[in-house]
Amino acid sequence: QVQLAEFGGGLVQSGGSLRLSCVASGSTFSLYKMGWYRQAPGKKRELVADIDSSSITNYLDSVEGRFFISRDNAKNTVDLQMNSLKPEDTAKYFCNARRAVWDDWWGQGTQVTVAS
């Protein structure tokens, strides 16, 4: 079992920055693809960015060049640096760890609100 805890959400003005962090339990963190997802009210959850065990990254088109995902396998953490935030980035952000369909874990989420 993997437990995930997210930190770093909050209220920020448009154009500002926030850094989200996710801390994972367990000794096999390096084997997991780690991702950040978000869900706004009335919308489906969407992948914002992910990073695999080889540190290959993937981004949602609308955040490319503004958001940066990174991982530290020694600390069992995955971070999401969010720059040039826009009101449409407002959502609850969730950390995900996935190694297989049957080995897929979620954090409780952290709220990000961008004021215009």
Protein backbone atom coordinates (compact mmCIF):
# COMPACT_ATOMS: atom_id res chain seq x y z
CA GLN A 1 0.00 0.00 0.00
CA VAL A 2 1.17 3.52 -0.82
CA GLN A 3 0.05 6.55 1.14
CA LEU A 4 0.32 9.97 -0.43
CA ALA A 5 0.14 13.36 1.25
CA GLU A 6 0.01 16.62 -0.68
CA PHE A 7 1.21 20.00 0.53
CA GLY A 8 1.48 23.50 -0.83
CA GLY A 9 -1.92 24.50 -2.10
CA GLY A 10 -3.44 27.88 -1.40
CA LEU A 11 -4.69 31.16 -2.79
CA VAL A 12 -2.52 33.08 -5.24
CA GLN A 13 -3.01 36.01 -7.57
CA SER A 14 -3.07 35.52 -11.30
CA GLY A 15 0.50 35.41 -12.60
CA GLY A 16 1.84 34.10 -9.32
CA SER A 17 3.53 30.82 -8.45
CA LEU A 18 2.93 27.89 -6.14
CA ARG A 19 4.85 24.73 -5.48
CA LEU A 20 2.99 21.55 -4.63
CA SER A 21 4.73 18.67 -2.92
CA CYS A 22 3.64 15.09 -2.48
CA VAL A 23 5.26 12.74 -0.01
CA ALA A 24 4.83 9.00 -0.49
CA SER A 25 5.19 6.14 1.94
CA GLY A 26 6.88 2.88 1.02
CA SER A 27 10.25 1.70 -0.16
CA THR A 28 9.46 1.20 -3.85
CA PHE A 29 8.70 4.82 -4.73
CA SER A 30 11.26 4.88 -7.52
CA LEU A 31 9.32 2.19 -9.41
CA TYR A 32 6.13 4.24 -9.66
CA LYS A 33 5.02 6.66 -12.31
CA MET A 34 4.04 9.74 -10.32
CA GLY A 35 1.46 12.22 -11.51
CA TRP A 36 -0.38 15.36 -10.60
CA TYR A 37 -4.03 15.56 -11.58
CA ARG A 38 -6.59 18.28 -11.03
CA GLN A 39 -10.32 18.51 -10.85
CA ALA A 40 -12.33 21.70 -11.01
CA PRO A 41 -15.98 21.81 -9.90
CA GLY A 42 -18.23 20.22 -12.49
CA LYS A 43 -15.31 18.98 -14.56
CA LYS A 44 -13.57 15.66 -15.01
CA ARG A 45 -10.27 14.95 -13.34
CA GLU A 46 -7.43 15.58 -15.77
CA LEU A 47 -3.76 14.77 -15.87
CA VAL A 48 -1.63 17.86 -15.37
CA ALA A 49 1.81 16.28 -15.46
CA ASP A 50 3.49 12.99 -14.79
CA ILE A 51 7.00 11.64 -14.43
CA ASP A 52 7.94 8.02 -14.84
CA SER A 53 10.61 5.92 -13.18
CA SER A 54 13.14 7.15 -15.77
CA SER A 55 12.15 10.77 -15.07
CA ILE A 56 10.53 11.18 -18.44
CA THR A 57 7.88 13.86 -18.12
CA ASN A 58 4.58 14.56 -19.78
CA TYR A 59 2.42 17.69 -19.51
CA LEU A 60 -1.07 18.85 -20.26
CA ASP A 61 -0.84 21.20 -23.24
CA SER A 62 -2.28 24.15 -21.34
CA VAL A 63 0.41 24.01 -18.64
CA GLU A 64 3.40 23.21 -20.86
CA GLY A 65 6.14 25.74 -20.19
CA ARG A 66 4.49 27.02 -17.01
CA PHE A 67 4.44 23.91 -14.79
CA PHE A 68 7.37 21.65 -14.02
CA ILE A 69 7.24 18.27 -12.35
CA SER A 70 10.19 16.72 -10.57
CA ARG A 71 10.87 13.81 -8.27
CA ASP A 72 13.37 12.96 -5.58
CA ASN A 73 13.53 9.21 -5.10
CA ALA A 74 15.74 9.54 -2.03
CA LYS A 75 13.05 11.57 -0.28
CA ASN A 76 10.00 9.85 -1.83
CA THR A 77 8.70 13.16 -3.08
CA VAL A 78 7.25 14.54 -6.27
CA ASP A 79 6.85 18.27 -6.73
CA LEU A 80 4.90 20.44 -9.12
CA GLN A 81 6.24 23.94 -9.63
CA MET A 82 3.46 26.09 -11.04
CA ASN A 83 4.35 29.45 -12.55
CA SER A 84 2.33 32.12 -14.35
CA LEU A 85 -0.83 30.78 -12.77
CA LYS A 86 -4.15 31.58 -14.37
CA PRO A 87 -7.68 31.57 -12.93
CA GLU A 88 -8.42 28.51 -15.08
CA ASP A 89 -5.76 26.60 -13.10
CA THR A 90 -8.06 26.77 -10.09
CA ALA A 91 -8.84 23.22 -9.02
CA LYS A 92 -8.17 20.59 -6.45
CA TYR A 93 -4.84 18.97 -7.24
CA PHE A 94 -4.22 15.30 -6.54
CA CYS A 95 -1.05 13.29 -6.36
CA ASN A 96 -1.10 9.84 -7.96
CA ALA A 97 1.25 6.88 -7.84
CA ARG A 98 0.75 4.14 -10.40
CA ARG A 99 2.69 1.02 -11.29
CA ALA A 100 -0.18 -1.06 -12.64
CA VAL A 101 -3.96 -0.98 -12.84
CA TRP A 102 -4.09 -2.85 -9.57
CA ASP A 103 -1.35 -0.72 -7.98
CA ASP A 104 -2.78 2.78 -8.28
CA TRP A 105 -2.93 5.22 -5.34
CA TRP A 106 -4.29 8.71 -4.72
CA GLY A 107 -3.76 11.43 -2.21
CA GLN A 108 -6.55 13.45 -0.62
CA GLY A 109 -5.83 16.50 -2.74
CA THR A 110 -4.90 20.10 -2.09
CA GLN A 111 -6.85 23.14 -3.25
CA VAL A 112 -5.29 25.70 -5.56
CA THR A 113 -7.22 28.90 -6.12
CA VAL A 114 -5.99 31.57 -8.54
CA ALA A 115 -7.63 34.95 -8.15
CA SER A 116 -7.99 37.17 -11.19
